[in-house]
Amino acid sequence: MAKKILIVDDEDFIRQAIKICLQIEPYEFYEAGDGVEALNLARTVNPDLIILDIMMPGMTGYRVCKELKNNPETKNIIIAFITARGEASVEATAKASGGDDLIPKPFDPKELRNKVKKLLGS
């Protein structure tokens, strides 16, 4: 059975770039353009991994992550934040909100694939 990945970013081209990089593997992809859509999809499809942008209009990735981690039905979903911000405080806040990893933008396709494989244990 293919692992399910939910890609959450308010920029469509970023979602498409991530999907293209990961399509080499037999993953099942879902996409959300904002935090509310991400929460709804996460509860519906129960993905194995969420690649979650931090800075989005309306609801930040941090808030989405906290809500998912505080819900017994979604608390075990692996969450990797993706961000162009590289400050140490970003990594600390990502971990504090329940994130499992941090992926920098711009990302190297090979490194992204390797990180996703590692997070999914494959």
C-alpha atoms as a PDB file:
ATOM      1  CA  MET A   1       0.000   0.000   0.000  1.00  0.00           C
ATOM      2  CA  ALA A   2       1.361   3.416  -0.986  1.00  0.00           C
ATOM      3  CA  LYS A   3       2.206   5.900   1.758  1.00  0.00           C
ATOM      4  CA  LYS A   4      -0.013   8.988   1.778  1.00  0.00           C
ATOM      5  CA  ILE A   5       1.573  12.438   1.730  1.00  0.00           C
ATOM      6  CA  LEU A   6      -0.327  15.685   2.254  1.00  0.00           C
ATOM      7  CA  ILE A   7       1.518  18.706   0.818  1.00  0.00           C
ATOM      8  CA  VAL A   8       0.389  22.010   2.324  1.00  0.00           C
ATOM      9  CA  ASP A   9       1.584  25.316   0.869  1.00  0.00           C
ATOM     10  CA  ASP A  10      -0.267  28.431  -0.226  1.00  0.00           C
ATOM     11  CA  GLU A  11       1.830  28.538  -3.402  1.00  0.00           C
ATOM     12  CA  ASP A  12       0.696  26.052  -6.036  1.00  0.00           C
ATOM     13  CA  PHE A  13       4.094  25.893  -7.761  1.00  0.00           C
ATOM     14  CA  ILE A  14       5.775  24.831  -4.502  1.00  0.00           C
ATOM     15  CA  ARG A  15       3.233  22.025  -4.033  1.00  0.00           C
ATOM     16  CA  GLN A  16       3.804  20.904  -7.626  1.00  0.00           C
ATOM     17  CA  ALA A  17       7.610  21.032  -7.247  1.00  0.00           C
ATOM     18  CA  ILE A  18       7.484  18.862  -4.119  1.00  0.00           C
ATOM     19  CA  LYS A  19       5.158  16.395  -5.836  1.00  0.00           C
ATOM     20  CA  ILE A  20       7.405  16.182  -8.904  1.00  0.00           C
ATOM     21  CA  CYS A  21      10.452  15.524  -6.714  1.00  0.00           C
ATOM     22  CA  LEU A  22       8.684  12.728  -4.853  1.00  0.00           C
ATOM     23  CA  GLN A  23       6.825  11.069  -7.744  1.00  0.00           C
ATOM     24  CA  ILE A  24       9.707   8.657  -8.261  1.00  0.00           C
ATOM     25  CA  GLU A  25       8.333   6.744  -5.278  1.00  0.00           C
ATOM     26  CA  PRO A  26       4.863   5.156  -5.188  1.00  0.00           C
ATOM     27  CA  TYR A  27       3.294   7.768  -2.885  1.00  0.00           C
ATOM     28  CA  GLU A  28      -0.344   8.838  -2.898  1.00  0.00           C
ATOM     29  CA  PHE A  29      -0.494  12.650  -2.909  1.00  0.00           C
ATOM     30  CA  TYR A  30      -2.994  15.114  -1.479  1.00  0.00           C
ATOM     31  CA  GLU A  31      -2.695  18.889  -1.601  1.00  0.00           C
ATOM     32  CA  ALA A  32      -3.987  21.788   0.454  1.00  0.00           C
ATOM     33  CA  GLY A  33      -3.511  25.498  -0.150  1.00  0.00           C
ATOM     34  CA  ASP A  34      -4.237  26.708   3.393  1.00  0.00           C
ATOM     35  CA  GLY A  35      -4.416  25.575   7.002  1.00  0.00           C
ATOM     36  CA  VAL A  36      -8.162  24.970   7.182  1.00  0.00           C
ATOM     37  CA  GLU A  37      -8.086  22.781   4.080  1.00  0.00           C
ATOM     38  CA  ALA A  38      -5.060  20.962   5.527  1.00  0.00           C
ATOM     39  CA  LEU A  39      -6.882  20.179   8.785  1.00  0.00           C
ATOM     40  CA  ASN A  40      -9.924  18.877   6.925  1.00  0.00           C
ATOM     41  CA  LEU A  41      -7.866  16.699   4.578  1.00  0.00           C
ATOM     42  CA  ALA A  42      -5.683  15.377   7.403  1.00  0.00           C
ATOM     43  CA  ARG A  43      -8.753  14.237   9.307  1.00  0.00           C
ATOM     44  CA  THR A  44     -10.305  12.717   6.170  1.00  0.00           C
ATOM     45  CA  VAL A  45      -7.375  10.896   4.520  1.00  0.00           C
ATOM     46  CA  ASN A  46      -5.138  10.371   7.594  1.00  0.00           C
ATOM     47  CA  PRO A  47      -1.835  10.809   5.710  1.00  0.00           C
ATOM     48  CA  ASP A  48       1.395   9.166   6.812  1.00  0.00           C
ATOM     49  CA  LEU A  49       3.291  12.436   6.335  1.00  0.00           C
ATOM     50  CA  ILE A  50       2.382  16.103   6.042  1.00  0.00           C
ATOM     51  CA  ILE A  51       4.836  18.503   4.407  1.00  0.00           C
ATOM     52  CA  LEU A  52       3.624  21.756   5.917  1.00  0.00           C
ATOM     53  CA  ASP A  53       4.547  25.329   5.036  1.00  0.00           C
ATOM     54  CA  ILE A  54       4.983  27.552   8.095  1.00  0.00           C
ATOM     55  CA  MET A  55       4.002  30.933   6.683  1.00  0.00           C
ATOM     56  CA  MET A  56       0.518  30.834   5.189  1.00  0.00           C
ATOM     57  CA  PRO A  57      -2.265  33.405   5.242  1.00  0.00           C
ATOM     58  CA  GLY A  58      -4.994  32.852   7.806  1.00  0.00           C
ATOM     59  CA  MET A  59      -3.598  29.950   9.800  1.00  0.00           C
ATOM     60  CA  THR A  60       0.112  29.314  10.197  1.00  0.00           C
ATOM     61  CA  GLY A  61       1.658  25.904   9.853  1.00  0.00           C
ATOM     62  CA  TYR A  62       2.537  26.041  13.559  1.00  0.00           C
ATOM     63  CA  ARG A  63      -1.160  26.317  14.467  1.00  0.00           C
ATOM     64  CA  VAL A  64      -2.125  23.535  12.046  1.00  0.00           C
ATOM     65  CA  CYS A  65       0.530  21.299  13.583  1.00  0.00           C
ATOM     66  CA  LYS A  66      -0.590  22.021  17.154  1.00  0.00           C
ATOM     67  CA  GLU A  67      -4.214  21.246  16.291  1.00  0.00           C
ATOM     68  CA  LEU A  68      -3.252  17.967  14.619  1.00  0.00           C
ATOM     69  CA  LYS A  69      -0.961  16.894  17.452  1.00  0.00           C
ATOM     70  CA  ASN A  70      -3.636  17.716  20.067  1.00  0.00           C
ATOM     71  CA  ASN A  71      -6.219  15.532  18.287  1.00  0.00           C
ATOM     72  CA  PRO A  72      -6.073  11.824  19.243  1.00  0.00           C
ATOM     73  CA  GLU A  73      -7.058  10.829  15.693  1.00  0.00           C
ATOM     74  CA  THR A  74      -4.225  12.761  14.004  1.00  0.00           C
ATOM     75  CA  LYS A  75      -1.531  13.044  16.682  1.00  0.00           C
ATOM     76  CA  ASN A  76       0.669  10.326  15.131  1.00  0.00           C
ATOM     77  CA  ILE A  77       0.906  11.882  11.671  1.00  0.00           C
ATOM     78  CA  ILE A  78       4.515  12.778  10.875  1.00  0.00           C
ATOM     79  CA  ILE A  79       4.850  16.509  10.163  1.00  0.00           C
ATOM     80  CA  ALA A  80       7.797  18.057   8.332  1.00  0.00           C
ATOM     81  CA  PHE A  81       7.710  21.833   8.146  1.00  0.00           C
ATOM     82  CA  ILE A  82       8.969  23.505   4.999  1.00  0.00           C
ATOM     83  CA  THR A  83      10.191  27.091   5.162  1.00  0.00           C
ATOM     84  CA  ALA A  84      12.422  29.686   3.563  1.00  0.00           C
ATOM     85  CA  ARG A  85      13.232  31.091   7.001  1.00  0.00           C
ATOM     86  CA  GLY A  86      16.437  29.658   8.397  1.00  0.00           C
ATOM     87  CA  GLU A  87      16.669  31.232  11.850  1.00  0.00           C
ATOM     88  CA  ALA A  88      17.288  28.977  14.849  1.00  0.00           C
ATOM     89  CA  SER A  89      14.068  30.266  16.420  1.00  0.00           C
ATOM     90  CA  VAL A  90      12.084  28.777  13.516  1.00  0.00           C
ATOM     91  CA  GLU A  91      13.444  25.313  14.224  1.00  0.00           C
ATOM     92  CA  ALA A  92      12.756  25.679  17.952  1.00  0.00           C
ATOM     93  CA  THR A  93       9.175  26.844  17.336  1.00  0.00           C
ATOM     94  CA  ALA A  94       8.629  24.027  14.822  1.00  0.00           C
ATOM     95  CA  LYS A  95       9.723  21.434  17.395  1.00  0.00           C
ATOM     96  CA  ALA A  96       7.699  23.102  20.180  1.00  0.00           C
ATOM     97  CA  SER A  97       4.544  22.958  18.068  1.00  0.00           C
ATOM     98  CA  GLY A  98       5.017  19.216  17.512  1.00  0.00           C
ATOM     99  CA  GLY A  99       6.850  19.116  14.172  1.00  0.00           C
ATOM    100  CA  ASP A 100       9.072  16.144  13.437  1.00  0.00           C
ATOM    101  CA  ASP A 101      11.495  17.778  11.000  1.00  0.00           C
ATOM    102  CA  LEU A 102      12.308  20.930   9.046  1.00  0.00           C
ATOM    103  CA  ILE A 103      12.910  21.145   5.289  1.00  0.00           C
ATOM    104  CA  PRO A 104      14.561  24.328   4.003  1.00  0.00           C
ATOM    105  CA  LYS A 105      13.375  26.201   0.899  1.00  0.00           C
ATOM    106  CA  PRO A 106      14.781  26.078  -1.652  1.00  0.00           C
ATOM    107  CA  PHE A 107      15.169  22.318  -1.341  1.00  0.00           C
ATOM    108  CA  ASP A 108      17.428  19.938  -3.195  1.00  0.00           C
ATOM    109  CA  PRO A 109      15.247  17.229  -4.850  1.00  0.00           C
ATOM    110  CA  LYS A 110      17.532  14.370  -3.819  1.00  0.00           C
ATOM    111  CA  GLU A 111      17.760  15.602  -0.214  1.00  0.00           C
ATOM    112  CA  LEU A 112      13.978  16.015  -0.098  1.00  0.00           C
ATOM    113  CA  ARG A 113      13.450  12.439  -1.328  1.00  0.00           C
ATOM    114  CA  ASN A 114      15.971  11.090   1.197  1.00  0.00           C
ATOM    115  CA  LYS A 115      14.410  13.033   4.072  1.00  0.00           C
ATOM    116  CA  VAL A 116      10.905  11.859   3.177  1.00  0.00           C
ATOM    117  CA  LYS A 117      12.080   8.229   2.909  1.00  0.00           C
ATOM    118  CA  LYS A 118      13.745   8.519   6.317  1.00  0.00           C
ATOM    119  CA  LEU A 119      10.676  10.090   7.922  1.00  0.00           C
ATOM    120  CA  LEU A 120       8.439   7.376   6.501  1.00  0.00           C
ATOM    121  CA  GLY A 121      10.854   4.620   7.479  1.00  0.00           C
ATOM    122  CA  SER A 122      11.209   3.347   3.940  1.00  0.00           C
END
